[in-house]
Protein backbone atom coordinates (compact mmCIF):
# COMPACT_ATOMS: atom_id res chain seq x y z
CA GLN A 1 -67.02 -128.26 -19.97
CA VAL A 2 -69.19 -126.07 -17.79
CA GLN A 3 -67.65 -125.12 -14.39
CA LEU A 4 -69.70 -123.93 -11.40
CA VAL A 5 -68.11 -121.97 -8.78
CA GLU A 6 -69.79 -121.29 -5.49
CA SER A 7 -68.78 -118.41 -2.99
CA GLY A 8 -70.16 -116.51 -0.15
CA GLY A 9 -70.49 -119.07 2.63
CA GLY A 10 -69.17 -118.72 6.22
CA LEU A 11 -69.79 -119.05 9.79
CA VAL A 12 -72.92 -116.89 11.21
CA GLN A 13 -74.85 -116.95 14.37
CA ALA A 14 -78.53 -117.94 14.28
CA GLY A 15 -80.72 -115.32 13.04
CA GLY A 16 -78.09 -113.87 10.75
CA SER A 17 -77.83 -113.75 6.89
CA LEU A 18 -75.53 -114.63 4.03
CA ARG A 19 -75.50 -114.26 0.33
CA LEU A 20 -74.43 -116.98 -1.74
CA SER A 21 -73.20 -116.56 -5.44
CA CYS A 22 -72.70 -119.20 -8.16
CA ALA A 23 -70.96 -118.31 -11.33
CA ALA A 24 -71.15 -120.58 -14.29
CA SER A 25 -68.59 -120.75 -17.22
CA THR A 26 -71.14 -120.90 -19.99
CA THR A 27 -72.62 -118.41 -22.50
CA ARG A 28 -75.22 -116.09 -21.32
CA PHE A 29 -77.65 -117.70 -23.72
CA ILE A 30 -77.21 -121.15 -22.41
CA PHE A 31 -77.40 -119.86 -18.80
CA SER A 32 -80.59 -118.09 -19.45
CA ILE A 33 -82.50 -121.17 -20.82
CA LYS A 34 -81.69 -123.27 -17.74
CA THR A 35 -83.68 -123.47 -14.61
CA MET A 36 -81.12 -123.04 -11.86
CA GLY A 37 -81.21 -124.31 -8.30
CA TRP A 38 -79.26 -124.22 -5.11
CA TYR A 39 -78.92 -127.38 -3.37
CA ARG A 40 -77.41 -128.34 -0.07
CA GLN A 41 -75.97 -131.40 1.59
CA ALA A 42 -75.73 -131.61 5.36
CA PRO A 43 -73.36 -134.47 7.08
CA GLY A 44 -74.77 -137.82 6.81
CA LYS A 45 -77.79 -136.59 4.63
CA GLN A 46 -78.55 -136.63 0.89
CA ARG A 47 -78.10 -133.53 -1.36
CA GLU A 48 -81.49 -131.76 -1.52
CA LEU A 49 -82.82 -128.89 -3.60
CA VAL A 50 -83.85 -125.87 -1.68
CA ALA A 51 -84.54 -123.27 -4.25
CA SER A 52 -84.96 -123.14 -7.96
CA VAL A 53 -85.56 -120.23 -10.45
CA THR A 54 -86.38 -120.39 -14.04
CA GLY A 55 -84.72 -118.42 -16.87
CA GLY A 56 -87.49 -115.96 -16.69
CA GLY A 57 -87.17 -115.38 -13.02
CA SER A 58 -90.01 -117.52 -11.33
CA SER A 59 -88.98 -119.24 -8.20
CA ASN A 60 -89.62 -122.09 -6.06
CA TYR A 61 -88.78 -123.12 -2.61
CA ALA A 62 -88.51 -126.07 -0.17
CA ASP A 63 -90.85 -125.65 2.71
CA SER A 64 -87.84 -125.51 5.17
CA VAL A 65 -86.62 -122.34 3.64
CA LYS A 66 -89.73 -120.72 2.32
CA ASP A 67 -89.98 -116.92 3.35
CA ARG A 68 -86.36 -116.99 4.62
CA PHE A 69 -84.39 -117.67 1.43
CA THR A 70 -84.57 -115.79 -1.88
CA ILE A 71 -83.06 -117.10 -5.13
CA SER A 72 -82.29 -114.65 -7.94
CA ARG A 73 -80.22 -114.65 -11.18
CA ASP A 74 -78.38 -112.50 -13.41
CA ASN A 75 -78.33 -113.85 -16.93
CA ALA A 76 -76.01 -111.35 -18.13
CA LYS A 77 -73.36 -112.53 -15.68
CA SER A 78 -74.37 -116.35 -15.88
CA THR A 79 -74.62 -116.09 -12.03
CA VAL A 80 -77.43 -117.25 -9.48
CA TYR A 81 -77.48 -115.98 -5.98
CA LEU A 82 -79.08 -117.13 -2.73
CA GLN A 83 -80.13 -114.69 -0.07
CA MET A 84 -80.39 -116.48 3.25
CA ASN A 85 -82.01 -114.60 6.20
CA TYR A 86 -83.08 -115.82 9.60
CA LEU A 87 -80.48 -118.53 9.23
CA GLU A 88 -80.99 -121.63 11.56
CA PRO A 89 -78.55 -124.25 12.69
CA GLU A 90 -80.39 -126.65 10.69
CA ASP A 91 -79.26 -124.71 7.43
CA THR A 92 -75.73 -125.85 8.09
CA ALA A 93 -74.51 -127.74 5.08
CA VAL A 94 -72.43 -127.36 2.00
CA TYR A 95 -74.36 -125.42 -0.67
CA TYR A 96 -74.05 -126.04 -4.07
CA CYS A 97 -75.64 -124.64 -7.55
CA ASN A 98 -76.66 -126.74 -10.65
CA THR A 99 -79.28 -127.08 -13.05
CA ALA A 100 -82.53 -127.95 -11.46
CA ILE A 101 -86.22 -129.54 -11.95
CA SER A 102 -86.28 -130.52 -15.61
CA ASN A 103 -82.67 -131.74 -15.81
CA PRO A 104 -81.34 -131.75 -12.28
CA GLY A 105 -77.56 -131.82 -11.94
CA ALA A 106 -76.75 -131.89 -15.49
CA TRP A 107 -73.43 -129.84 -15.19
CA PRO A 108 -70.44 -131.05 -13.16
CA TRP A 109 -70.69 -130.21 -9.54
CA GLY A 110 -68.61 -127.43 -8.05
CA GLN A 111 -66.84 -127.49 -4.92
CA GLY A 112 -69.66 -126.04 -3.02
CA THR A 113 -69.41 -123.31 -0.18
CA GLN A 114 -69.76 -124.31 3.37
CA VAL A 115 -72.40 -122.55 5.44
CA THR A 116 -72.26 -122.90 9.36
CA VAL A 117 -74.92 -121.50 11.50
CA SER A 118 -74.02 -121.47 15.16
CA SER A 119 -76.87 -121.49 17.95
């Protein structure tokens, strides 16, 4: 069964940056054909998709993070990244990665990584 391990979260002031990583315990081939996404869940809110990237590197973003967040992937390492710049208190949430778009959340969810942005 695939395991997803997210890391890189922390406490940062508004305007700061963080880089999240998510490693998937699957083969490079399987990983490379999956559209991957970063999701987040704030307290009392539903989990939402904030960014996705196809196996070929094409990305999409939620309006709330466009021009601030950048998703990327390294298929050789079965890892997906999220570079978050100009963080806002509204970005505070637990961030998760998983498959996205065509088959969202197909793998077991990891523990996530907490991002807290102070004002």
